[in-house]
């Protein structure tokens, strides 16, 4: 992953430009396939198969950036999308979403990058938590004891309140 990320940071390229290029490459080179990975899938496995979901793409970008010595955090939250008429919502809408926050120095601070959608995080990226990786910010954690087989399903629609 470090070598993959290094290609986005040739000599003279700044952090923001390099991160934007890396994010764009991940979006292009990796397939969004919800069934390709599980929460327990390692970053190395997702990287090798070039497929996964937002948490995989965020972890891959973070792994590459950290390998280059750049501070990067895993961010979990929601993504509010308003697609143009006739266009689909961005992937990650109506569910929890993950993206990357990179320290770009004291002048710019922490900047968010969404490799799943190939966009910089903005006001429609609603942060719930940030940490080192998914295990730091898991939205559901604990043990459920019950009979039979159970499956948790969650649907979210982010809508502004008021005018």
C-alpha atoms as a PDB file:
ATOM      1  CA  UNK A   1       0.000   0.000   0.000  1.00  0.00           C
ATOM      2  CA  UNK A   2       2.869   2.345   0.704  1.00  0.00           C
ATOM      3  CA  UNK A   3       4.285   1.834  -2.784  1.00  0.00           C
ATOM      4  CA  UNK A   4       0.797   2.318  -4.268  1.00  0.00           C
ATOM      5  CA  UNK A   5       0.430   5.611  -2.356  1.00  0.00           C
ATOM      6  CA  UNK A   6       3.989   6.737  -3.135  1.00  0.00           C
ATOM      7  CA  UNK A   7       3.104   7.022  -6.836  1.00  0.00           C
ATOM      8  CA  UNK A   8       0.741   9.901  -5.925  1.00  0.00           C
ATOM      9  CA  UNK A   9       3.491  11.863  -4.163  1.00  0.00           C
ATOM     10  CA  UNK A  10       6.305  12.572  -6.633  1.00  0.00           C
ATOM     11  CA  UNK A  11       8.952  15.071  -5.555  1.00  0.00           C
ATOM     12  CA  UNK A  12       7.510  18.558  -5.234  1.00  0.00           C
ATOM     13  CA  UNK A  13       3.838  17.553  -4.981  1.00  0.00           C
ATOM     14  CA  UNK A  14       2.083  18.889  -1.888  1.00  0.00           C
ATOM     15  CA  UNK A  15       0.019  16.907   0.602  1.00  0.00           C
ATOM     16  CA  UNK A  16      -3.378  18.088  -0.668  1.00  0.00           C
ATOM     17  CA  UNK A  17      -2.530  17.423  -4.307  1.00  0.00           C
ATOM     18  CA  UNK A  18      -1.039  14.029  -3.493  1.00  0.00           C
ATOM     19  CA  UNK A  19      -4.016  13.002  -1.356  1.00  0.00           C
ATOM     20  CA  UNK A  20      -6.448  14.120  -4.057  1.00  0.00           C
ATOM     21  CA  UNK A  21      -4.583  12.091  -6.666  1.00  0.00           C
ATOM     22  CA  UNK A  22      -4.398   9.036  -4.375  1.00  0.00           C
ATOM     23  CA  UNK A  23      -8.113   9.287  -3.560  1.00  0.00           C
ATOM     24  CA  UNK A  24      -8.938   9.520  -7.275  1.00  0.00           C
ATOM     25  CA  UNK A  25      -6.784   6.488  -8.076  1.00  0.00           C
ATOM     26  CA  UNK A  26      -8.462   4.400  -5.376  1.00  0.00           C
ATOM     27  CA  UNK A  27     -11.869   5.387  -6.782  1.00  0.00           C
ATOM     28  CA  UNK A  28     -10.732   4.313 -10.262  1.00  0.00           C
ATOM     29  CA  UNK A  29      -8.700   1.195  -9.393  1.00  0.00           C
ATOM     30  CA  UNK A  30     -10.999  -0.431  -6.803  1.00  0.00           C
ATOM     31  CA  UNK A  31     -14.505  -1.816  -7.388  1.00  0.00           C
ATOM     32  CA  UNK A  32     -17.307  -0.984  -4.954  1.00  0.00           C
ATOM     33  CA  UNK A  33     -18.661  -4.470  -4.152  1.00  0.00           C
ATOM     34  CA  UNK A  34     -20.616  -4.803  -0.883  1.00  0.00           C
ATOM     35  CA  UNK A  35     -20.329  -8.606  -0.830  1.00  0.00           C
ATOM     36  CA  UNK A  36     -16.560  -8.644  -1.494  1.00  0.00           C
ATOM     37  CA  UNK A  37     -15.528  -7.981   2.102  1.00  0.00           C
ATOM     38  CA  UNK A  38     -16.711  -8.300   5.681  1.00  0.00           C
ATOM     39  CA  UNK A  39     -15.886  -6.205   8.752  1.00  0.00           C
ATOM     40  CA  UNK A  40     -13.216  -8.811   9.543  1.00  0.00           C
ATOM     41  CA  UNK A  41     -11.548  -8.632   6.087  1.00  0.00           C
ATOM     42  CA  UNK A  42      -7.976  -7.391   6.425  1.00  0.00           C
ATOM     43  CA  UNK A  43      -6.738  -4.309   4.602  1.00  0.00           C
ATOM     44  CA  UNK A  44      -4.218  -6.499   2.772  1.00  0.00           C
ATOM     45  CA  UNK A  45      -7.011  -8.771   1.488  1.00  0.00           C
ATOM     46  CA  UNK A  46      -9.151  -5.856   0.278  1.00  0.00           C
ATOM     47  CA  UNK A  47      -6.085  -4.271  -1.347  1.00  0.00           C
ATOM     48  CA  UNK A  48      -5.159  -7.537  -3.105  1.00  0.00           C
ATOM     49  CA  UNK A  49      -8.646  -8.136  -4.504  1.00  0.00           C
ATOM     50  CA  UNK A  50      -9.092  -4.462  -5.482  1.00  0.00           C
ATOM     51  CA  UNK A  51     -12.689  -4.540  -4.231  1.00  0.00           C
ATOM     52  CA  UNK A  52     -14.653  -3.697  -1.131  1.00  0.00           C
ATOM     53  CA  UNK A  53     -16.686  -0.935   0.469  1.00  0.00           C
ATOM     54  CA  UNK A  54     -16.066   2.484   2.007  1.00  0.00           C
ATOM     55  CA  UNK A  55     -14.374   1.149   5.141  1.00  0.00           C
ATOM     56  CA  UNK A  56     -11.925  -0.842   2.983  1.00  0.00           C
ATOM     57  CA  UNK A  57     -11.106   2.098   0.714  1.00  0.00           C
ATOM     58  CA  UNK A  58     -10.603   4.388   3.713  1.00  0.00           C
ATOM     59  CA  UNK A  59      -8.293   1.849   5.414  1.00  0.00           C
ATOM     60  CA  UNK A  60      -6.307   1.338   2.187  1.00  0.00           C
ATOM     61  CA  UNK A  61      -5.784   5.087   1.786  1.00  0.00           C
ATOM     62  CA  UNK A  62      -4.853   5.441   5.468  1.00  0.00           C
ATOM     63  CA  UNK A  63      -2.411   2.522   5.248  1.00  0.00           C
ATOM     64  CA  UNK A  64      -0.652   4.062   2.268  1.00  0.00           C
ATOM     65  CA  UNK A  65      -0.505   7.526   3.804  1.00  0.00           C
ATOM     66  CA  UNK A  66       0.809   6.264   7.140  1.00  0.00           C
ATOM     67  CA  UNK A  67       3.409   4.220   5.284  1.00  0.00           C
ATOM     68  CA  UNK A  68       4.646   7.523   3.850  1.00  0.00           C
ATOM     69  CA  UNK A  69       4.715   9.070   7.333  1.00  0.00           C
ATOM     70  CA  UNK A  70       1.582  11.204   6.911  1.00  0.00           C
ATOM     71  CA  UNK A  71      -0.874  11.383   9.840  1.00  0.00           C
ATOM     72  CA  UNK A  72      -4.249  10.021   8.745  1.00  0.00           C
ATOM     73  CA  UNK A  73      -7.435   9.160  10.648  1.00  0.00           C
ATOM     74  CA  UNK A  74     -10.427   6.935   9.925  1.00  0.00           C
ATOM     75  CA  UNK A  75     -13.691   8.898   9.999  1.00  0.00           C
ATOM     76  CA  UNK A  76     -17.123   7.327  10.365  1.00  0.00           C
ATOM     77  CA  UNK A  77     -20.423   9.094   9.860  1.00  0.00           C
ATOM     78  CA  UNK A  78     -23.156   9.713   7.341  1.00  0.00           C
ATOM     79  CA  UNK A  79     -23.152  11.112   3.841  1.00  0.00           C
ATOM     80  CA  UNK A  80     -25.983  13.411   2.782  1.00  0.00           C
ATOM     81  CA  UNK A  81     -26.475  13.411  -0.954  1.00  0.00           C
ATOM     82  CA  UNK A  82     -28.797  15.330  -3.190  1.00  0.00           C
ATOM     83  CA  UNK A  83     -28.412  13.827  -6.653  1.00  0.00           C
ATOM     84  CA  UNK A  84     -29.448  15.751  -9.763  1.00  0.00           C
ATOM     85  CA  UNK A  85     -32.798  14.662 -11.221  1.00  0.00           C
ATOM     86  CA  UNK A  86     -32.494  11.208 -12.761  1.00  0.00           C
ATOM     87  CA  UNK A  87     -29.064  10.548 -11.192  1.00  0.00           C
ATOM     88  CA  UNK A  88     -28.349   7.952  -8.455  1.00  0.00           C
ATOM     89  CA  UNK A  89     -27.373   8.872  -4.908  1.00  0.00           C
ATOM     90  CA  UNK A  90     -23.665   8.655  -4.070  1.00  0.00           C
ATOM     91  CA  UNK A  91     -22.496   5.312  -2.738  1.00  0.00           C
ATOM     92  CA  UNK A  92     -22.562   5.306   1.025  1.00  0.00           C
ATOM     93  CA  UNK A  93     -25.793   7.304   1.291  1.00  0.00           C
ATOM     94  CA  UNK A  94     -28.496   6.028   3.629  1.00  0.00           C
ATOM     95  CA  UNK A  95     -26.009   4.019   5.682  1.00  0.00           C
ATOM     96  CA  UNK A  96     -22.951   4.656   7.763  1.00  0.00           C
ATOM     97  CA  UNK A  97     -20.044   5.816   5.650  1.00  0.00           C
ATOM     98  CA  UNK A  98     -16.278   6.037   6.095  1.00  0.00           C
ATOM     99  CA  UNK A  99     -13.662   8.408   4.757  1.00  0.00           C
ATOM    100  CA  UNK A 100     -10.161   9.649   5.579  1.00  0.00           C
ATOM    101  CA  UNK A 101      -8.917  12.732   7.400  1.00  0.00           C
ATOM    102  CA  UNK A 102      -5.319  13.796   6.718  1.00  0.00           C
ATOM    103  CA  UNK A 103      -3.231  16.285   8.680  1.00  0.00           C
ATOM    104  CA  UNK A 104      -2.160  18.874   6.095  1.00  0.00           C
ATOM    105  CA  UNK A 105      -0.169  21.071   8.475  1.00  0.00           C
ATOM    106  CA  UNK A 106      -1.068  23.890  10.846  1.00  0.00           C
ATOM    107  CA  UNK A 107      -2.307  26.201   8.091  1.00  0.00           C
ATOM    108  CA  UNK A 108      -4.835  23.728   6.581  1.00  0.00           C
ATOM    109  CA  UNK A 109      -5.427  21.387   9.540  1.00  0.00           C
ATOM    110  CA  UNK A 110      -7.296  18.115   9.050  1.00  0.00           C
ATOM    111  CA  UNK A 111      -8.749  17.669   5.538  1.00  0.00           C
ATOM    112  CA  UNK A 112     -11.257  14.948   4.640  1.00  0.00           C
ATOM    113  CA  UNK A 113     -11.010  12.741   1.555  1.00  0.00           C
ATOM    114  CA  UNK A 114     -13.702  10.285   0.439  1.00  0.00           C
ATOM    115  CA  UNK A 115     -12.020   7.637  -1.751  1.00  0.00           C
ATOM    116  CA  UNK A 116     -15.297   5.739  -2.243  1.00  0.00           C
ATOM    117  CA  UNK A 117     -16.828   8.647  -4.133  1.00  0.00           C
ATOM    118  CA  UNK A 118     -13.644  10.421  -5.233  1.00  0.00           C
ATOM    119  CA  UNK A 119     -14.546  13.715  -3.551  1.00  0.00           C
ATOM    120  CA  UNK A 120     -13.172  15.873  -0.799  1.00  0.00           C
ATOM    121  CA  UNK A 121     -15.269  15.630   2.376  1.00  0.00           C
ATOM    122  CA  UNK A 122     -17.521  18.633   2.814  1.00  0.00           C
ATOM    123  CA  UNK A 123     -20.569  19.795   4.729  1.00  0.00           C
ATOM    124  CA  UNK A 124     -22.582  16.785   3.545  1.00  0.00           C
ATOM    125  CA  UNK A 125     -20.115  14.431   5.279  1.00  0.00           C
ATOM    126  CA  UNK A 126     -21.481  14.255   8.814  1.00  0.00           C
ATOM    127  CA  UNK A 127     -18.850  13.000  11.256  1.00  0.00           C
ATOM    128  CA  UNK A 128     -19.893  10.712  14.095  1.00  0.00           C
ATOM    129  CA  UNK A 129     -16.417   9.617  15.190  1.00  0.00           C
ATOM    130  CA  UNK A 130     -12.762   9.581  14.172  1.00  0.00           C
ATOM    131  CA  UNK A 131     -10.051   7.176  15.216  1.00  0.00           C
ATOM    132  CA  UNK A 132      -7.169   5.012  14.061  1.00  0.00           C
ATOM    133  CA  UNK A 133      -9.354   2.480  12.243  1.00  0.00           C
ATOM    134  CA  UNK A 134     -12.827   0.915  12.141  1.00  0.00           C
ATOM    135  CA  UNK A 135     -12.400  -0.768  15.533  1.00  0.00           C
ATOM    136  CA  UNK A 136     -12.025   2.668  17.190  1.00  0.00           C
ATOM    137  CA  UNK A 137     -15.283   4.023  15.751  1.00  0.00           C
ATOM    138  CA  UNK A 138     -17.552   1.003  15.311  1.00  0.00           C
ATOM    139  CA  UNK A 139     -21.148   2.274  15.480  1.00  0.00           C
ATOM    140  CA  UNK A 140     -22.359  -0.956  17.097  1.00  0.00           C
ATOM    141  CA  UNK A 141     -20.320  -2.840  19.643  1.00  0.00           C
ATOM    142  CA  UNK A 142     -21.253  -5.447  22.165  1.00  0.00           C
ATOM    143  CA  UNK A 143     -22.796  -8.858  22.565  1.00  0.00           C
ATOM    144  CA  UNK A 144     -26.356  -9.948  21.874  1.00  0.00           C
ATOM    145  CA  UNK A 145     -27.614 -13.188  23.359  1.00  0.00           C
ATOM    146  CA  UNK A 146     -30.814 -14.617  21.947  1.00  0.00           C
ATOM    147  CA  UNK A 147     -32.377 -17.560  20.222  1.00  0.00           C
ATOM    148  CA  UNK A 148     -32.334 -18.145  16.489  1.00  0.00           C
ATOM    149  CA  UNK A 149     -30.441 -16.326  13.803  1.00  0.00           C
ATOM    150  CA  UNK A 150     -30.475 -12.512  13.873  1.00  0.00           C
ATOM    151  CA  UNK A 151     -29.378  -9.820  11.464  1.00  0.00           C
ATOM    152  CA  UNK A 152     -29.183  -6.072  12.058  1.00  0.00           C
ATOM    153  CA  UNK A 153     -30.386  -3.804   9.260  1.00  0.00           C
ATOM    154  CA  UNK A 154     -30.151  -0.033   9.451  1.00  0.00           C
ATOM    155  CA  UNK A 155     -31.385   2.602   7.001  1.00  0.00           C
ATOM    156  CA  UNK A 156     -30.648   6.312   7.317  1.00  0.00           C
ATOM    157  CA  UNK A 157     -31.839   9.316   5.368  1.00  0.00           C
ATOM    158  CA  UNK A 158     -30.087  12.553   6.310  1.00  0.00           C
ATOM    159  CA  UNK A 159     -32.455  15.501   5.930  1.00  0.00           C
ATOM    160  CA  UNK A 160     -31.849  19.028   7.230  1.00  0.00           C
ATOM    161  CA  UNK A 161     -34.283  20.209   9.908  1.00  0.00           C
ATOM    162  CA  UNK A 162     -35.998  23.557   9.357  1.00  0.00           C
ATOM    163  CA  UNK A 163     -35.743  26.086   6.564  1.00  0.00           C
END
